């Protein structure tokens, strides 16, 4: 009876994980494709006053626009993302199979996996399926002349720009700048929230 209960519970955890990953991955990609095909590079759309804009930028690096070297660095970053995501998927499946997973661990790892997959898709395929975005023209999906970059060299699309408030001028280094100047996307948000939840609930992640 206990084994049957565990099997049923595990199926629910698998389903929960799949729903979280697919939902946020779909939301991330739909928004990126819409921005990529409707915004010129650097174009901004106010959403909530001056506090929140959709501002289209692209980056070749990690979350929040952090770069990672030249072309070799780009390849290493993309391959590293793929390997890390594969490990996280393996680890989550292993936790569920061994009956050591719970809702908290499934939510945490699924958010991180969804975010990682979202940016991996950009790096892997966007260079193949989009034309180049410029400050004067909008990109085309599946252009007849082909994409702007080979496999692994696509640029990650970012769009969330929060100008909550300016830091006071008297602050060293950061005075006169926005509180949070980074522009990010849904995938970055998923990874960040997942990591924060992991830190908060680290003692509840794995069942004994």
Protein backbone atom coordinates (compact mmCIF):
# COMPACT_ATOMS: atom_id res chain seq x y z
CA UNK A 1 0.00 0.00 0.00
CA UNK A 2 2.82 2.38 0.93
CA UNK A 3 4.56 1.67 -2.39
CA UNK A 4 1.36 2.49 -4.29
CA UNK A 5 1.01 5.77 -2.37
CA UNK A 6 4.63 6.65 -3.19
CA UNK A 7 4.11 5.92 -6.90
CA UNK A 8 1.00 8.13 -6.97
CA UNK A 9 2.78 10.92 -5.11
CA UNK A 10 5.79 10.70 -7.42
CA UNK A 11 3.57 11.00 -10.48
CA UNK A 12 2.03 14.15 -9.02
CA UNK A 13 5.49 15.60 -8.41
CA UNK A 14 6.58 14.77 -11.97
CA UNK A 15 3.41 16.43 -13.29
CA UNK A 16 3.93 19.50 -11.10
CA UNK A 17 7.51 19.82 -12.31
CA UNK A 18 6.48 19.47 -15.95
CA UNK A 19 3.72 22.07 -15.58
CA UNK A 20 6.06 24.61 -13.95
CA UNK A 21 8.81 24.11 -16.52
CA UNK A 22 6.53 24.23 -19.57
CA UNK A 23 4.50 27.19 -18.28
CA UNK A 24 7.46 29.46 -17.59
CA UNK A 25 9.37 28.26 -20.64
CA UNK A 26 6.37 29.04 -22.85
CA UNK A 27 5.87 32.46 -21.23
CA UNK A 28 9.58 33.25 -21.56
CA UNK A 29 9.80 32.29 -25.22
CA UNK A 30 6.51 33.88 -26.31
CA UNK A 31 7.52 37.20 -24.75
CA UNK A 32 11.02 37.04 -26.24
CA UNK A 33 9.73 36.24 -29.72
CA UNK A 34 7.17 39.05 -29.50
CA UNK A 35 9.78 41.58 -28.35
CA UNK A 36 12.31 40.38 -30.93
CA UNK A 37 9.82 40.72 -33.81
CA UNK A 38 8.17 43.98 -32.70
CA UNK A 39 10.94 46.08 -31.11
CA UNK A 40 14.02 47.66 -32.59
CA UNK A 41 17.15 47.22 -30.50
CA UNK A 42 17.03 49.67 -27.60
CA UNK A 43 13.34 50.48 -28.13
CA UNK A 44 11.34 50.99 -24.95
CA UNK A 45 7.65 50.68 -24.09
CA UNK A 46 6.37 52.18 -20.79
CA UNK A 47 4.27 49.67 -18.85
CA UNK A 48 3.89 51.29 -15.43
CA UNK A 49 4.85 54.96 -15.50
CA UNK A 50 8.59 55.54 -15.37
CA UNK A 51 9.06 52.61 -12.98
CA UNK A 52 8.67 49.70 -15.37
CA UNK A 53 9.47 49.54 -19.09
CA UNK A 54 9.85 46.83 -21.67
CA UNK A 55 13.24 47.76 -23.12
CA UNK A 56 14.71 45.47 -25.77
CA UNK A 57 18.38 44.64 -25.44
CA UNK A 58 20.43 41.55 -26.28
CA UNK A 59 23.38 40.04 -24.48
CA UNK A 60 25.80 37.23 -25.20
CA UNK A 61 26.48 36.35 -21.59
CA UNK A 62 24.88 35.16 -18.39
CA UNK A 63 21.85 36.39 -16.45
CA UNK A 64 21.25 40.16 -16.17
CA UNK A 65 23.58 40.89 -19.10
CA UNK A 66 26.79 39.63 -17.49
CA UNK A 67 29.23 38.78 -20.29
CA UNK A 68 31.70 35.92 -20.39
CA UNK A 69 34.64 36.55 -22.69
CA UNK A 70 34.88 36.22 -26.46
CA UNK A 71 33.60 33.52 -28.85
CA UNK A 72 35.34 30.73 -26.95
CA UNK A 73 33.79 32.04 -23.76
CA UNK A 74 30.38 32.07 -25.44
CA UNK A 75 30.71 28.42 -26.47
CA UNK A 76 31.95 27.40 -23.03
CA UNK A 77 29.08 29.28 -21.40
CA UNK A 78 26.48 27.64 -23.65
CA UNK A 79 27.92 24.15 -23.16
CA UNK A 80 28.22 24.77 -19.43
CA UNK A 81 24.56 25.81 -19.27
CA UNK A 82 23.49 22.66 -21.09
CA UNK A 83 25.54 20.37 -18.83
CA UNK A 84 24.37 22.10 -15.66
CA UNK A 85 20.73 21.95 -16.74
CA UNK A 86 21.06 18.27 -17.65
CA UNK A 87 22.52 17.61 -14.20
CA UNK A 88 19.67 19.50 -12.47
CA UNK A 89 17.08 17.50 -14.41
CA UNK A 90 18.85 14.26 -13.52
CA UNK A 91 19.12 15.30 -9.86
CA UNK A 92 15.43 16.24 -9.61
CA UNK A 93 14.31 12.98 -11.24
CA UNK A 94 16.60 11.08 -8.86
CA UNK A 95 15.11 12.85 -5.84
CA UNK A 96 11.58 12.01 -6.93
CA UNK A 97 12.39 8.37 -7.71
CA UNK A 98 14.00 7.91 -4.29
CA UNK A 99 10.99 9.49 -2.56
CA UNK A 100 13.16 12.32 -1.23
CA UNK A 101 11.43 15.13 -3.12
CA UNK A 102 8.57 17.30 -1.95
CA UNK A 103 6.61 20.23 -3.35
CA UNK A 104 9.26 22.71 -2.21
CA UNK A 105 12.14 20.90 -3.91
CA UNK A 106 10.12 20.36 -7.09
CA UNK A 107 9.16 24.05 -7.30
CA UNK A 108 12.73 25.21 -6.59
CA UNK A 109 14.49 22.96 -9.10
CA UNK A 110 11.76 23.31 -11.74
CA UNK A 111 12.04 27.12 -11.66
CA UNK A 112 15.81 26.96 -12.06
CA UNK A 113 15.54 24.39 -14.86
CA UNK A 114 12.87 26.44 -16.68
CA UNK A 115 15.02 29.56 -16.48
CA UNK A 116 18.14 27.77 -17.64
CA UNK A 117 16.30 26.18 -20.57
CA UNK A 118 14.83 29.54 -21.58
CA UNK A 119 18.23 31.17 -22.03
CA UNK A 120 19.74 28.01 -23.55
CA UNK A 121 17.13 28.15 -26.33
CA UNK A 122 18.17 31.73 -27.10
CA UNK A 123 21.85 30.83 -27.27
CA UNK A 124 21.31 27.68 -29.30
CA UNK A 125 18.68 28.67 -31.84
CA UNK A 126 17.98 32.41 -32.01
CA UNK A 127 21.00 33.02 -34.23
CA UNK A 128 19.63 30.43 -36.65
CA UNK A 129 15.97 31.49 -36.78
CA UNK A 130 16.11 35.30 -36.53
CA UNK A 131 17.62 38.05 -38.64
CA UNK A 132 19.81 40.60 -36.87
CA UNK A 133 18.09 43.14 -34.61
CA UNK A 134 19.37 46.69 -35.12
CA UNK A 135 18.61 50.17 -33.82
CA UNK A 136 16.82 50.88 -37.11
CA UNK A 137 15.01 47.65 -37.97
CA UNK A 138 13.00 44.86 -36.36
CA UNK A 139 14.16 41.25 -36.66
CA UNK A 140 12.37 38.71 -38.84
CA UNK A 141 11.55 35.18 -37.73
CA UNK A 142 12.82 32.57 -40.22
CA UNK A 143 14.30 35.08 -42.70
CA UNK A 144 14.84 33.67 -46.24
CA UNK A 145 18.51 34.66 -46.15
CA UNK A 146 19.08 32.73 -42.93
CA UNK A 147 19.83 33.74 -39.37
CA UNK A 148 22.41 36.13 -37.98
CA UNK A 149 24.64 33.59 -36.21
CA UNK A 150 25.48 29.85 -36.11
CA UNK A 151 24.40 27.33 -33.49
CA UNK A 152 25.46 28.27 -29.93
CA UNK A 153 26.08 31.91 -30.88
CA UNK A 154 22.58 33.32 -30.49
CA UNK A 155 22.06 36.35 -28.26
CA UNK A 156 19.82 36.24 -25.20
CA UNK A 157 16.81 38.59 -25.38
CA UNK A 158 16.19 40.80 -22.32
CA UNK A 159 13.34 43.25 -21.77
CA UNK A 160 12.38 43.93 -18.12
CA UNK A 161 13.64 47.35 -17.04
CA UNK A 162 12.74 48.55 -13.54
CA UNK A 163 13.69 52.14 -12.69
CA UNK A 164 12.36 52.04 -9.14
CA UNK A 165 14.43 54.93 -7.78
CA UNK A 166 17.79 56.66 -8.06
CA UNK A 167 20.52 56.09 -5.51
CA UNK A 168 21.66 59.30 -3.77
CA UNK A 169 24.66 61.07 -5.30
CA UNK A 170 26.68 60.88 -2.08
CA UNK A 171 26.93 57.07 -2.27
CA UNK A 172 30.40 55.94 -3.40
CA UNK A 173 30.67 54.11 -6.74
CA UNK A 174 26.91 53.79 -7.34
CA UNK A 175 25.66 57.28 -6.49
CA UNK A 176 23.33 58.80 -9.08
CA UNK A 177 22.53 55.46 -10.71
CA UNK A 178 19.34 53.43 -10.67
CA UNK A 179 18.78 51.07 -7.74
CA UNK A 180 18.63 48.07 -10.08
CA UNK A 181 20.03 48.97 -13.51
CA UNK A 182 20.11 45.44 -14.96
CA UNK A 183 17.65 44.52 -17.72
CA UNK A 184 16.50 40.91 -17.54
CA UNK A 185 13.94 38.39 -18.78
CA UNK A 186 11.49 35.76 -17.50
CA UNK A 187 14.19 33.07 -17.53
CA UNK A 188 16.49 35.18 -15.34
CA UNK A 189 13.59 35.77 -12.95
CA UNK A 190 12.89 32.03 -12.68
CA UNK A 191 16.50 31.23 -11.84
CA UNK A 192 16.70 34.08 -9.31
CA UNK A 193 13.46 33.14 -7.55
CA UNK A 194 14.49 29.48 -7.53
CA UNK A 195 17.85 30.28 -5.95
CA UNK A 196 16.24 32.58 -3.35
CA UNK A 197 13.71 29.87 -2.44
CA UNK A 198 16.55 27.35 -2.21
CA UNK A 199 18.37 29.58 0.28
CA UNK A 200 15.22 30.23 2.34
CA UNK A 201 13.96 26.64 2.41
CA UNK A 202 17.27 24.76 2.11
CA UNK A 203 16.46 22.55 5.12
CA UNK A 204 13.17 21.48 3.53
CA UNK A 205 14.47 20.77 0.03
CA UNK A 206 15.35 17.10 0.54
CA UNK A 207 13.38 14.67 2.69
CA UNK A 208 15.27 12.43 5.08
